[in-house]
Every structure is written in structure tokens, then in C-alpha cells.
N, C-alpha and C. Protein backbone atom coordinates (compact mmCIF):
# COMPACT_ATOMS: atom_id res chain seq x y z
N MET A 1 27.57 24.12 43.52
CA MET A 1 26.55 24.99 43.77
C MET A 1 27.05 26.12 44.43
N THR A 2 26.92 27.42 44.12
CA THR A 2 27.76 28.77 45.41
C THR A 2 26.33 29.12 46.02
N ARG A 3 25.42 28.61 45.99
CA ARG A 3 24.16 29.43 46.92
C ARG A 3 23.56 28.22 47.73
N ASP A 4 22.85 28.33 48.84
CA ASP A 4 22.74 27.41 49.87
C ASP A 4 21.22 27.56 49.62
N ILE A 5 20.06 26.29 48.79
CA ILE A 5 18.86 26.46 48.60
C ILE A 5 18.21 26.69 50.24
N ALA A 6 18.87 26.54 50.51
CA ALA A 6 18.04 26.69 52.20
C ALA A 6 17.80 28.31 52.72
N ASP A 7 18.44 29.01 52.14
CA ASP A 7 18.95 30.69 52.55
C ASP A 7 18.18 31.76 51.32
N ILE A 8 16.90 30.73 50.25
CA ILE A 8 16.45 31.55 49.25
C ILE A 8 15.32 31.46 50.08
N ARG A 9 14.98 32.48 50.22
CA ARG A 9 13.54 32.76 50.69
C ARG A 9 12.98 34.55 50.59
N ARG A 10 11.60 34.58 50.82
CA ARG A 10 10.93 35.87 50.22
C ARG A 10 10.51 36.08 51.19
N ASP A 11 9.60 37.11 52.04
CA ASP A 11 8.99 37.60 53.00
C ASP A 11 7.68 38.18 52.26
N TYR A 12 6.59 37.75 52.08
CA TYR A 12 5.43 38.20 51.62
C TYR A 12 4.71 39.24 51.85
N GLU A 13 4.05 39.98 51.14
CA GLU A 13 3.77 41.28 51.90
C GLU A 13 2.01 41.51 50.99
N GLY A 14 1.06 41.07 51.19
CA GLY A 14 -0.28 41.69 50.70
C GLY A 14 -1.30 42.06 51.39
N GLY A 15 -2.20 42.23 50.52
CA GLY A 15 -4.15 42.74 51.16
C GLY A 15 -4.32 41.39 51.95
N ILE A 16 -4.79 41.90 52.99
CA ILE A 16 -5.52 40.63 54.13
C ILE A 16 -6.66 39.98 52.85
N LEU A 17 -6.96 38.61 53.64
CA LEU A 17 -7.84 38.49 52.77
C LEU A 17 -9.10 37.38 53.66
N ASP A 18 -10.19 38.41 54.02
CA ASP A 18 -10.83 38.27 55.27
C ASP A 18 -12.35 37.34 54.57
N GLU A 19 -12.19 35.74 55.30
CA GLU A 19 -13.25 35.18 54.78
C GLU A 19 -14.66 35.93 54.93
N GLY A 20 -14.71 36.94 56.03
CA GLY A 20 -15.96 37.81 56.00
C GLY A 20 -16.29 38.46 54.89
N SER A 21 -15.76 39.04 54.21
CA SER A 21 -16.34 40.18 53.41
C SER A 21 -15.78 39.69 51.59
N VAL A 22 -15.71 38.43 51.63
CA VAL A 22 -15.50 37.68 50.30
C VAL A 22 -16.97 37.38 48.94
N PRO A 23 -16.79 37.17 48.68
CA PRO A 23 -17.85 36.80 47.54
C PRO A 23 -18.52 35.63 47.92
N ASN A 24 -19.34 35.60 47.74
CA ASN A 24 -20.72 34.20 47.68
C ASN A 24 -20.02 33.34 46.81
N ASP A 25 -19.67 33.50 45.47
CA ASP A 25 -19.16 32.60 44.26
C ASP A 25 -17.62 32.95 44.45
N PRO A 26 -16.81 31.78 43.94
CA PRO A 26 -15.45 32.00 44.30
C PRO A 26 -14.99 32.62 42.79
N PHE A 27 -15.85 32.40 41.52
CA PHE A 27 -15.88 32.14 40.27
C PHE A 27 -15.88 34.30 40.71
N THR A 28 -16.35 35.01 41.34
CA THR A 28 -16.66 36.24 41.19
C THR A 28 -15.33 36.81 41.52
N LEU A 29 -14.66 36.05 43.15
CA LEU A 29 -12.96 36.34 43.56
C LEU A 29 -12.38 36.24 42.38
N PHE A 30 -11.98 35.10 41.70
CA PHE A 30 -10.72 34.39 40.69
C PHE A 30 -10.59 35.28 40.02
N ASP A 31 -12.26 36.35 39.04
CA ASP A 31 -11.88 36.92 37.92
C ASP A 31 -11.26 38.56 38.75
N GLU A 32 -11.54 38.86 39.93
CA GLU A 32 -10.83 40.18 40.34
C GLU A 32 -9.45 39.31 39.98
N TRP A 33 -8.90 38.60 40.71
CA TRP A 33 -7.38 38.17 41.02
C TRP A 33 -7.19 37.97 39.92
N PHE A 34 -7.98 37.92 38.54
CA PHE A 34 -7.32 37.65 37.61
C PHE A 34 -6.59 38.19 36.64
N ALA A 35 -8.14 39.95 36.93
CA ALA A 35 -7.67 39.93 36.08
C ALA A 35 -6.08 41.56 36.75
N LEU A 36 -5.80 41.60 38.14
CA LEU A 36 -4.59 42.00 38.78
C LEU A 36 -3.80 41.25 38.01
N ALA A 37 -3.25 40.28 37.97
CA ALA A 37 -2.81 39.24 37.35
C ALA A 37 -2.19 39.64 35.78
N LEU A 38 -2.98 39.93 35.52
CA LEU A 38 -3.29 40.06 33.98
C LEU A 38 -2.24 41.18 34.13
N ASP A 39 -3.06 42.27 34.97
CA ASP A 39 -2.22 43.53 34.69
C ASP A 39 -0.45 43.63 35.57
N SER A 40 -0.52 42.39 36.33
CA SER A 40 0.40 42.80 36.84
C SER A 40 2.25 42.00 36.55
N GLU A 41 1.69 40.39 36.05
CA GLU A 41 2.33 39.26 35.57
C GLU A 41 2.79 40.04 34.49
N PRO A 42 4.40 39.83 34.43
CA PRO A 42 4.62 40.27 32.50
C PRO A 42 4.74 39.44 31.71
N GLN A 43 4.43 38.09 32.06
CA GLN A 43 3.59 36.94 30.53
C GLN A 43 3.01 36.02 31.28
N ASP A 44 2.21 35.31 30.70
CA ASP A 44 1.48 34.02 31.31
C ASP A 44 0.80 34.08 32.37
N ALA A 45 0.18 35.20 32.78
CA ALA A 45 -1.12 34.73 33.81
C ALA A 45 -1.62 34.26 33.66
N ASN A 46 -2.43 33.32 32.19
CA ASN A 46 -2.56 32.51 32.67
C ASN A 46 -2.37 30.84 32.50
N ALA A 47 -1.22 30.66 32.57
CA ALA A 47 -0.50 29.73 32.87
C ALA A 47 -0.85 28.86 34.53
N MET A 48 -1.42 27.43 33.87
CA MET A 48 -1.35 27.27 35.46
C MET A 48 -0.46 25.40 35.44
N THR A 49 -0.85 25.12 36.56
CA THR A 49 0.03 23.56 36.67
C THR A 49 -1.58 23.22 36.69
N LEU A 50 -1.21 21.03 35.82
CA LEU A 50 -2.38 21.04 35.95
C LEU A 50 -1.76 19.73 36.36
N SER A 51 -2.21 18.51 37.29
CA SER A 51 -2.08 17.76 37.67
C SER A 51 -2.99 16.60 37.71
N THR A 52 -2.50 15.48 37.93
CA THR A 52 -3.74 14.55 37.35
C THR A 52 -2.91 13.06 37.96
N VAL A 53 -3.59 11.92 37.42
CA VAL A 53 -3.51 10.98 37.81
C VAL A 53 -3.72 9.92 36.95
N ASP A 54 -2.54 8.72 37.00
CA ASP A 54 -2.69 7.60 36.35
C ASP A 54 -3.61 6.20 36.94
N SER A 55 -3.61 5.78 35.94
CA SER A 55 -4.88 4.51 36.73
C SER A 55 -3.88 3.58 37.63
N GLN A 56 -2.75 3.77 37.71
CA GLN A 56 -1.87 3.18 38.95
C GLN A 56 -2.03 4.11 40.10
N GLY A 57 -2.63 5.48 40.35
CA GLY A 57 -2.52 6.30 41.26
C GLY A 57 -1.85 7.04 41.08
N LEU A 58 -0.33 7.19 40.41
CA LEU A 58 0.67 7.83 40.02
C LEU A 58 0.08 9.53 39.86
N PRO A 59 0.85 10.12 40.67
CA PRO A 59 0.43 11.58 39.98
C PRO A 59 1.24 12.24 38.99
N HIS A 60 0.87 13.39 37.98
CA HIS A 60 1.08 13.78 37.47
C HIS A 60 1.06 15.55 36.98
N ALA A 61 2.02 16.11 36.78
CA ALA A 61 2.26 17.96 36.56
C ALA A 61 2.55 18.11 35.58
N ARG A 62 2.11 19.05 34.84
CA ARG A 62 2.79 20.19 33.48
C ARG A 62 1.87 21.72 33.76
N ILE A 63 2.86 22.53 33.29
CA ILE A 63 1.90 23.39 32.69
C ILE A 63 1.14 23.92 31.60
N VAL A 64 -0.17 24.57 31.48
CA VAL A 64 -1.15 24.28 30.50
C VAL A 64 -1.34 25.84 30.50
N LEU A 65 -2.20 26.31 29.47
CA LEU A 65 -3.23 27.72 29.75
C LEU A 65 -4.06 27.60 29.48
N LEU A 66 -4.98 28.53 30.77
CA LEU A 66 -6.34 28.44 31.04
C LEU A 66 -7.00 29.70 29.78
N LYS A 67 -7.92 28.60 28.45
CA LYS A 67 -8.45 29.53 27.69
C LYS A 67 -9.69 30.22 27.97
N GLY A 68 -10.81 29.63 28.76
CA GLY A 68 -11.34 29.44 29.28
C GLY A 68 -12.28 29.46 30.32
N ILE A 69 -12.97 30.58 31.22
CA ILE A 69 -13.80 30.52 32.51
C ILE A 69 -15.03 30.63 32.46
N ASP A 70 -16.24 30.20 33.04
CA ASP A 70 -17.30 30.64 33.13
C ASP A 70 -17.62 30.24 34.87
N ALA A 71 -18.93 30.19 34.18
CA ALA A 71 -19.92 29.87 36.04
C ALA A 71 -19.76 27.59 36.08
N ASN A 72 -19.48 27.31 34.44
CA ASN A 72 -19.00 26.12 34.70
C ASN A 72 -17.86 25.19 35.30
N GLY A 73 -16.84 26.37 35.02
CA GLY A 73 -15.57 25.35 35.46
C GLY A 73 -14.53 26.78 34.53
N MET A 74 -13.07 25.39 34.25
CA MET A 74 -12.04 26.55 33.47
C MET A 74 -11.75 25.40 32.70
N VAL A 75 -11.42 25.85 31.80
CA VAL A 75 -11.13 25.15 30.56
C VAL A 75 -9.72 24.97 29.42
N PHE A 76 -9.18 23.87 29.23
CA PHE A 76 -7.53 23.86 28.52
C PHE A 76 -7.83 23.36 27.48
N TYR A 77 -7.99 23.00 26.91
CA TYR A 77 -7.04 22.75 25.36
C TYR A 77 -5.77 21.57 24.89
N THR A 78 -5.95 20.58 24.52
CA THR A 78 -4.77 19.78 24.40
C THR A 78 -5.24 18.83 23.84
N ASN A 79 -3.51 17.58 22.87
CA ASN A 79 -4.29 16.48 22.20
C ASN A 79 -4.99 15.29 23.28
N TYR A 80 -6.12 15.09 22.95
CA TYR A 80 -6.79 13.80 24.13
C TYR A 80 -6.33 12.25 23.74
N HIS A 81 -5.05 12.21 23.04
CA HIS A 81 -3.55 11.47 23.27
C HIS A 81 -2.86 11.35 23.87
N SER A 82 -2.71 12.44 24.34
CA SER A 82 -1.61 12.53 25.21
C SER A 82 -1.52 11.86 26.56
N HIS A 83 -0.46 12.16 27.14
CA HIS A 83 -0.68 11.20 28.37
C HIS A 83 -1.68 11.74 29.32
N LYS A 84 -1.47 13.81 29.52
CA LYS A 84 -2.58 13.85 30.37
C LYS A 84 -3.99 13.16 30.06
N GLY A 85 -4.19 12.73 28.28
CA GLY A 85 -5.98 12.72 28.00
C GLY A 85 -5.52 11.36 28.15
N SER A 86 -4.93 10.79 28.34
CA SER A 86 -5.02 9.06 28.80
C SER A 86 -5.45 9.15 30.33
N GLU A 87 -4.43 9.95 31.05
CA GLU A 87 -4.93 9.71 32.82
C GLU A 87 -6.49 10.14 32.61
N LEU A 88 -7.18 11.45 32.38
CA LEU A 88 -7.94 11.70 32.70
C LEU A 88 -9.09 10.60 32.09
N ALA A 89 -8.82 10.02 30.92
CA ALA A 89 -9.88 8.99 29.94
C ALA A 89 -10.11 8.30 31.75
N ASN A 90 -9.00 7.68 31.95
CA ASN A 90 -9.23 6.47 33.10
C ASN A 90 -9.24 7.15 34.98
N VAL A 91 -9.48 9.01 35.29
CA VAL A 91 -9.38 9.17 36.45
C VAL A 91 -9.66 10.40 35.66
N PRO A 92 -11.38 10.92 35.47
CA PRO A 92 -11.73 11.78 35.64
C PRO A 92 -11.28 13.11 36.36
N HIS A 93 -10.55 13.71 37.03
CA HIS A 93 -9.93 14.44 38.25
C HIS A 93 -9.21 15.41 37.96
N ALA A 94 -9.37 16.49 38.37
CA ALA A 94 -7.24 16.72 38.56
C ALA A 94 -7.53 18.13 39.40
N ALA A 95 -6.27 18.40 39.29
CA ALA A 95 -5.91 19.94 39.86
C ALA A 95 -5.63 20.97 39.59
N LEU A 96 -5.92 22.75 39.57
CA LEU A 96 -4.68 23.46 38.75
C LEU A 96 -4.53 24.12 39.84
N THR A 97 -3.61 24.85 39.77
CA THR A 97 -2.53 25.87 40.61
C THR A 97 -2.01 27.03 39.62
N PHE A 98 -2.47 27.51 40.24
CA PHE A 98 -2.01 29.36 39.60
C PHE A 98 -1.34 29.96 40.70
N TRP A 99 -0.06 30.50 40.41
CA TRP A 99 0.59 31.24 40.52
C TRP A 99 1.59 32.70 40.12
N TRP A 100 0.92 33.68 40.74
CA TRP A 100 1.35 35.12 40.60
C TRP A 100 2.32 35.46 41.58
N PRO A 101 3.39 35.18 41.19
CA PRO A 101 4.29 35.90 42.38
C PRO A 101 4.28 37.23 42.50
N SER A 102 3.95 38.34 41.73
CA SER A 102 4.53 39.69 41.90
C SER A 102 2.88 39.80 42.51
N LEU A 103 2.22 38.55 42.74
CA LEU A 103 0.50 40.00 43.61
C LEU A 103 0.92 38.66 45.19
N ALA A 104 2.09 38.07 44.70
CA ALA A 104 2.27 36.57 46.09
C ALA A 104 0.74 36.18 46.24
N ARG A 105 0.03 35.94 45.34
CA ARG A 105 -1.03 34.68 45.50
C ARG A 105 -1.26 33.61 44.74
N GLN A 106 -1.72 32.70 45.65
CA GLN A 106 -1.83 31.24 44.57
C GLN A 106 -3.46 31.08 44.74
N VAL A 107 -3.83 30.32 43.56
CA VAL A 107 -4.87 29.60 43.73
C VAL A 107 -5.43 27.90 43.65
N ARG A 108 -5.62 27.62 44.43
CA ARG A 108 -5.59 26.17 43.80
C ARG A 108 -7.04 25.47 43.51
N VAL A 109 -6.95 24.95 43.02
CA VAL A 109 -8.63 24.51 42.14
C VAL A 109 -8.51 22.86 42.12
N GLU A 110 -9.57 22.41 42.35
CA GLU A 110 -10.05 20.66 42.60
C GLU A 110 -11.39 20.09 42.05
N GLY A 111 -10.93 19.15 41.19
CA GLY A 111 -12.42 19.17 40.46
C GLY A 111 -12.64 17.92 39.73
N HIS A 112 -14.17 17.59 39.14
CA HIS A 112 -13.64 16.31 38.10
C HIS A 112 -13.40 17.03 36.80
N VAL A 113 -13.55 16.35 35.70
CA VAL A 113 -12.99 17.02 34.68
C VAL A 113 -14.27 16.26 33.13
N GLU A 114 -14.45 16.99 32.06
CA GLU A 114 -15.16 16.75 31.69
C GLU A 114 -15.02 17.56 29.57
N ARG A 115 -15.28 16.84 28.97
CA ARG A 115 -14.63 17.72 27.59
C ARG A 115 -15.44 18.78 27.24
N VAL A 116 -15.22 19.78 26.48
CA VAL A 116 -15.73 20.06 26.18
C VAL A 116 -17.08 20.46 24.73
N ALA A 117 -17.93 21.05 24.50
CA ALA A 117 -18.33 20.35 23.54
C ALA A 117 -17.75 21.12 21.98
N GLU A 118 -18.08 19.84 21.17
CA GLU A 118 -16.92 19.61 19.90
C GLU A 118 -17.53 21.35 19.26
N GLU A 119 -18.52 21.70 19.62
CA GLU A 119 -18.49 23.21 19.01
C GLU A 119 -17.98 24.01 19.45
N GLU A 120 -17.71 24.39 20.44
CA GLU A 120 -16.40 24.83 21.27
C GLU A 120 -15.65 24.91 21.55
N SER A 121 -15.05 23.26 20.72
CA SER A 121 -13.20 23.03 20.29
C SER A 121 -13.10 23.60 18.96
N ASP A 122 -14.14 23.58 18.32
CA ASP A 122 -13.90 23.99 16.94
C ASP A 122 -13.98 25.45 16.66
N ASP A 123 -14.40 26.47 17.16
CA ASP A 123 -14.42 28.06 17.48
C ASP A 123 -13.94 28.26 18.36
N TYR A 124 -12.46 27.86 19.17
CA TYR A 124 -11.62 28.07 19.68
C TYR A 124 -9.90 27.62 18.65
N PHE A 125 -9.95 26.49 18.34
CA PHE A 125 -9.39 25.99 16.95
C PHE A 125 -9.57 27.44 16.21
N SER A 126 -10.43 27.37 15.68
CA SER A 126 -10.39 28.18 13.79
C SER A 126 -10.04 29.88 15.05
N SER A 127 -9.94 29.97 16.07
CA SER A 127 -9.61 31.81 16.66
C SER A 127 -7.90 31.73 16.54
N ARG A 128 -7.15 29.75 16.45
CA ARG A 128 -5.53 30.10 16.51
C ARG A 128 -5.27 30.18 16.01
N PRO A 129 -3.94 31.19 16.18
CA PRO A 129 -2.97 31.18 14.76
C PRO A 129 -2.78 30.12 13.64
N ARG A 130 -2.35 29.96 12.47
CA ARG A 130 -2.45 29.34 11.62
C ARG A 130 -1.17 28.18 11.97
N GLY A 131 -0.04 28.52 12.52
CA GLY A 131 1.00 27.72 12.63
C GLY A 131 0.22 26.87 13.81
N SER A 132 -0.11 27.48 15.44
CA SER A 132 -0.77 26.60 16.07
C SER A 132 -2.13 25.54 15.36
N GLN A 133 -2.38 26.09 14.41
CA GLN A 133 -3.43 25.13 14.00
C GLN A 133 -2.92 24.11 13.57
N LEU A 134 -1.58 24.45 13.17
CA LEU A 134 -0.89 22.85 11.77
C LEU A 134 0.09 22.34 13.32
N GLY A 135 0.30 23.21 14.05
CA GLY A 135 1.16 21.83 15.25
C GLY A 135 -0.27 20.93 15.95
N ALA A 136 -1.04 21.34 15.94
CA ALA A 136 -2.32 20.16 16.31
C ALA A 136 -2.05 19.11 15.85
N TRP A 137 -1.93 19.21 14.64
CA TRP A 137 -1.95 17.87 13.49
C TRP A 137 0.04 17.25 13.37
N ILE A 138 0.70 18.28 13.95
CA ILE A 138 2.07 17.97 13.28
C ILE A 138 2.58 17.14 14.78
N ALA A 139 1.83 17.55 16.17
CA ALA A 139 2.73 17.33 17.29
C ALA A 139 1.63 16.27 17.58
N THR A 140 2.36 14.43 17.91
CA THR A 140 1.78 13.46 18.28
C THR A 140 2.22 13.74 19.78
N GLN A 141 1.84 13.91 20.46
CA GLN A 141 2.56 14.87 21.62
C GLN A 141 2.24 13.50 22.48
N SER A 142 3.04 13.25 22.97
CA SER A 142 3.56 12.31 24.47
C SER A 142 4.53 11.38 23.70
N VAL A 143 4.65 10.74 22.70
CA VAL A 143 4.86 9.75 21.49
C VAL A 143 6.44 9.90 21.87
N VAL A 144 6.92 8.98 21.79
CA VAL A 144 8.40 9.25 21.76
C VAL A 144 9.13 9.37 20.18
N ILE A 145 10.40 10.21 20.17
CA ILE A 145 10.44 10.44 18.43
C ILE A 145 11.99 10.39 18.53
N PRO A 146 12.46 10.18 17.21
CA PRO A 146 14.04 9.71 17.19
C PRO A 146 14.66 11.27 17.17
N ASP A 147 13.77 12.08 16.94
CA ASP A 147 14.87 13.96 16.87
C ASP A 147 13.84 14.16 16.78
N ARG A 148 14.85 16.08 16.62
CA ARG A 148 13.84 16.89 15.97
C ARG A 148 13.47 16.94 14.57
N GLY A 149 14.24 16.47 13.52
CA GLY A 149 13.92 16.08 12.20
C GLY A 149 12.80 15.95 12.02
N TRP A 150 12.66 15.02 12.35
CA TRP A 150 10.96 14.51 12.43
C TRP A 150 10.01 15.33 12.30
N ILE A 151 9.89 16.06 13.63
CA ILE A 151 9.05 17.03 14.04
C ILE A 151 9.06 17.63 12.28
N GLU A 152 10.05 18.34 12.28
CA GLU A 152 10.33 19.42 10.85
C GLU A 152 10.21 18.51 9.59
N GLN A 153 9.62 17.38 9.02
CA GLN A 153 9.49 16.55 8.34
C GLN A 153 8.11 16.41 8.28
N ARG A 154 7.25 16.23 9.49
CA ARG A 154 6.25 16.08 9.42
C ARG A 154 5.36 17.81 9.10
N GLN A 155 5.93 18.67 9.68
CA GLN A 155 5.79 20.18 9.43
C GLN A 155 5.87 20.75 8.30
N GLN A 156 6.24 19.83 7.43
CA GLN A 156 6.66 20.06 6.14
C GLN A 156 5.82 19.44 5.30
N ARG A 157 5.17 18.47 6.18
CA ARG A 157 4.49 17.86 5.00
C ARG A 157 2.83 17.89 4.91
N PHE A 158 2.44 18.93 6.55
CA PHE A 158 1.29 19.26 6.78
C PHE A 158 0.85 20.43 6.12
N GLU A 159 2.12 21.38 6.03
CA GLU A 159 2.38 22.94 5.52
C GLU A 159 1.55 22.47 3.59
N LYS A 160 2.26 21.66 3.88
CA LYS A 160 2.04 21.47 1.65
C LYS A 160 0.42 20.70 1.73
N ALA A 161 -0.02 20.11 2.67
CA ALA A 161 -1.47 19.51 2.30
C ALA A 161 -2.53 20.17 2.48
N TYR A 162 -1.93 21.43 3.77
CA TYR A 162 -2.89 22.41 3.79
C TYR A 162 -3.04 23.35 3.62
N GLU A 163 -1.94 24.04 2.15
CA GLU A 163 -1.76 25.00 1.37
C GLU A 163 -3.35 25.62 0.54
N ASP A 164 -3.13 26.99 1.43
CA ASP A 164 -4.22 27.77 0.57
C ASP A 164 -5.14 27.31 0.86
N GLN A 165 -5.89 26.60 1.69
CA GLN A 165 -6.86 26.07 2.34
C GLN A 165 -7.43 26.34 4.29
N ASP A 166 -8.44 26.42 4.80
CA ASP A 166 -8.35 25.75 5.77
C ASP A 166 -8.14 24.61 6.40
N ILE A 167 -7.95 25.25 7.88
CA ILE A 167 -7.40 23.76 8.40
C ILE A 167 -8.05 23.45 9.78
N PRO A 168 -9.10 22.28 9.03
CA PRO A 168 -9.66 21.62 9.98
C PRO A 168 -8.94 21.41 11.68
N ARG A 169 -9.88 21.31 12.87
CA ARG A 169 -9.64 20.96 14.01
C ARG A 169 -9.47 18.86 14.12
N PRO A 170 -8.01 18.78 14.42
CA PRO A 170 -8.17 17.28 14.54
C PRO A 170 -9.03 16.52 15.73
N VAL A 171 -10.20 15.05 15.16
CA VAL A 171 -10.80 15.11 16.23
C VAL A 171 -9.98 14.50 17.11
N HIS A 172 -8.78 14.68 16.98
CA HIS A 172 -8.11 14.22 18.50
C HIS A 172 -7.54 14.88 19.73
N TRP A 173 -8.30 16.39 19.34
CA TRP A 173 -7.37 17.87 19.38
C TRP A 173 -8.81 18.49 20.14
N GLY A 174 -9.03 19.01 21.48
CA GLY A 174 -9.65 19.86 21.68
C GLY A 174 -9.81 20.10 23.17
N GLY A 175 -10.73 20.71 23.77
CA GLY A 175 -10.49 20.63 24.99
C GLY A 175 -11.68 20.37 25.99
N TYR A 176 -10.35 20.33 27.33
CA TYR A 176 -10.98 19.79 28.62
C TYR A 176 -11.70 21.00 29.50
N ARG A 177 -12.89 20.64 30.95
CA ARG A 177 -13.63 21.32 31.36
C ARG A 177 -13.41 20.96 32.28
N VAL A 178 -12.31 21.90 33.49
CA VAL A 178 -12.22 21.21 35.31
C VAL A 178 -13.34 22.02 35.95
N VAL A 179 -14.40 21.16 36.42
CA VAL A 179 -15.35 21.54 36.75
C VAL A 179 -15.24 21.74 38.16
N PRO A 180 -14.91 22.46 38.97
CA PRO A 180 -14.37 23.06 40.18
C PRO A 180 -15.55 22.26 41.85
N GLU A 181 -15.06 21.57 42.58
CA GLU A 181 -15.43 21.09 43.70
C GLU A 181 -14.66 21.64 45.37
N MET A 182 -13.86 22.24 44.67
CA MET A 182 -12.72 23.07 45.86
C MET A 182 -12.12 24.39 45.08
N ILE A 183 -11.99 25.88 45.65
CA ILE A 183 -11.31 26.36 45.26
C ILE A 183 -10.83 27.19 46.47
N GLU A 184 -9.30 27.19 46.58
CA GLU A 184 -8.64 27.58 47.58
C GLU A 184 -8.33 29.25 47.17
N PHE A 185 -8.43 30.37 47.79
CA PHE A 185 -7.57 31.43 47.71
C PHE A 185 -6.40 31.65 48.61
N TRP A 186 -5.28 31.72 48.54
CA TRP A 186 -3.51 32.18 49.65
C TRP A 186 -3.36 33.55 49.11
N GLN A 187 -3.34 34.33 50.07
CA GLN A 187 -2.64 35.17 50.14
C GLN A 187 -1.21 35.56 50.78
N GLY A 188 -0.36 35.28 50.07
CA GLY A 188 1.12 36.00 50.95
C GLY A 188 1.23 37.09 52.06
N GLN A 189 1.61 36.59 52.77
CA GLN A 189 1.81 37.80 54.66
C GLN A 189 3.03 37.54 54.84
N PRO A 190 3.59 38.29 56.24
CA PRO A 190 4.94 38.46 56.45
C PRO A 190 4.41 37.07 57.38
N SER A 191 6.01 36.70 57.80
CA SER A 191 6.81 35.43 58.91
C SER A 191 5.09 34.49 58.29
N ARG A 192 4.96 34.28 57.05
CA ARG A 192 4.67 32.76 56.81
C ARG A 192 3.08 32.22 57.18
N LEU A 193 2.62 33.83 58.37
CA LEU A 193 1.10 33.45 58.32
C LEU A 193 0.61 34.39 57.46
N HIS A 194 0.02 33.25 56.35
CA HIS A 194 -0.64 33.55 55.07
C HIS A 194 -2.14 33.12 55.31
N ASP A 195 -2.81 34.26 54.09
CA ASP A 195 -4.22 34.24 54.20
C ASP A 195 -4.79 33.12 53.23
N ARG A 196 -5.16 32.25 54.37
CA ARG A 196 -5.94 31.11 53.24
C ARG A 196 -7.42 30.82 52.99
N VAL A 197 -8.41 30.83 52.19
CA VAL A 197 -9.87 31.11 51.82
C VAL A 197 -10.59 30.04 51.48
N ARG A 198 -10.62 28.77 51.48
CA ARG A 198 -11.20 27.93 50.99
C ARG A 198 -12.89 27.72 50.93
N TYR A 199 -13.38 27.63 49.27
CA TYR A 199 -14.44 27.42 48.98
C TYR A 199 -14.71 25.89 48.81
N HIS A 200 -15.97 25.47 49.21
CA HIS A 200 -16.21 24.48 48.96
C HIS A 200 -17.77 24.02 48.49
N ARG A 201 -17.83 23.73 47.45
CA ARG A 201 -19.08 23.20 46.77
C ARG A 201 -20.42 22.50 47.89
N ARG A 202 -21.25 22.93 47.83
CA ARG A 202 -22.44 21.94 48.47
C ARG A 202 -23.15 22.07 47.96
N ASP A 203 -23.28 21.48 47.20
CA ASP A 203 -24.93 21.19 45.79
C ASP A 203 -24.90 22.57 45.21
N ASP A 204 -25.88 23.00 44.99
CA ASP A 204 -25.86 24.30 44.30
C ASP A 204 -25.28 25.93 45.08
N SER A 205 -24.71 25.28 45.97
CA SER A 205 -24.20 27.18 47.20
C SER A 205 -22.71 26.20 47.61
N TRP A 206 -22.31 27.29 47.83
CA TRP A 206 -20.68 27.24 48.29
C TRP A 206 -20.36 27.54 49.80
N GLU A 207 -19.63 26.61 50.40
CA GLU A 207 -19.52 26.90 51.82
C GLU A 207 -18.00 27.53 51.51
N VAL A 208 -17.48 28.46 52.73
CA VAL A 208 -16.27 29.96 52.91
C VAL A 208 -15.80 28.73 54.52
N ALA A 209 -14.87 28.91 53.97
CA ALA A 209 -13.91 28.76 55.84
C ALA A 209 -12.41 29.09 55.54
N ARG A 210 -12.19 29.72 56.36
CA ARG A 210 -10.72 30.19 56.37
C ARG A 210 -9.66 28.80 56.81
N LEU A 211 -9.17 28.76 56.39
CA LEU A 211 -8.00 27.59 56.58
C LEU A 211 -6.47 28.29 57.12
N ALA A 212 -5.98 27.30 58.50
CA ALA A 212 -5.01 28.03 59.04
C ALA A 212 -3.63 28.26 57.99
N PRO A 213 -2.80 28.93 58.49
CA PRO A 213 -1.43 29.00 57.21
C PRO A 213 -0.54 27.56 56.86
């Protein structure tokens, strides 16, 4: 290694995040931050780390894409039979982490997880490019496979099976909604004296607090 990892650092700069002037609803602030991220990040502003735990309490994390947000929560789509699907079936709680380096901003979300309605999954699936629709059938996600040729053979089989016809959504594929119980907004500041504002759900309202850096 030609460079000492300990020497890799940057000094963050950003606008002040003041707990006294943030909106009462964290989704309003998230919408504002996300709109700026869409403008400032070159790609994948909707990428987020999804963290789950298995039945033994062991943590697992991977990047997924945010595909919907409303007052009820944040939505992503995947194979229900995948590792994350199995983990959520056993422990229906998860954490999300967004990181937008160009803005020196991070958002953490923690909450319980539920499947979205089948109609919602159908609507989103129908909006996907045809190749992505086929991919939901081709990929038996997280299963050990012998080689790349196995995928290519399945691709040919499903392309032939659905030639010249609409592709239905697989019953094993659909959406999950993370319903937040906590959302923390992090704004990087010089000298590691970062701003952290946490929203914590209290019944039908949100409690706002500033956290130490």
C-alpha cells in the first residue's frame, strides 16, 4: 500500500443545521435535502445502505435504491426470498443510511418494516424497463450459482418464455416500506464539530433534539 489510510481525511463544510429552525416533520426536511442531493450528486443520489439483522442477531448491510417516499415511510423493492427478505421476515426492523459527500450530509433512519400493498408493487413493476422486469424472474437472489453461464441460460429461457407479451410481476418480488421511528440529519462541519439533529417519533408527533457531534 502506497498511502497511509490514517492520513486520508477531509475537513467538512456546510450550512448550520439548527434544531430550533427545522420543520416539525422530518419528511419535509428530508425532501429538501433529497432535492439538493439530486442536483449535486452525479449519480445514485437515491442509493442507501440497508442494514438488517438475522435470527441470530448478526448484522448485514448492502446498498439498495430508494424508490418511493411519503408520510408513511421509505420504499425499496427486492426479491422476498433474498437474504434481506428472509432477515426482514424474522426481524421486521431495519436501518437506512444515506450519504451525500458533495453536500457533506448524512441521514440515518431506523424503524419497522412492512411489505407494501401488492397493487403498489404491481404499479412499480410495470414502470420498470423490460430488462429489469425480466431480471426479477432470472435472478434467484442470494442463491449460490455455479457460474455466469447459469444466469445467461436463464436469461435466454425467460426472454423466450415472455417473447411478445407483457411480463407479470413475480409473486416473490415486491416492495418493503421502512416506517421510521427515528430519523437523524447530520451536517458535516469543520474540526469534526458536526451538526446532528434527531427526530424521534412520539405517538403521532416528532420530538426534535440536537445530539453532540
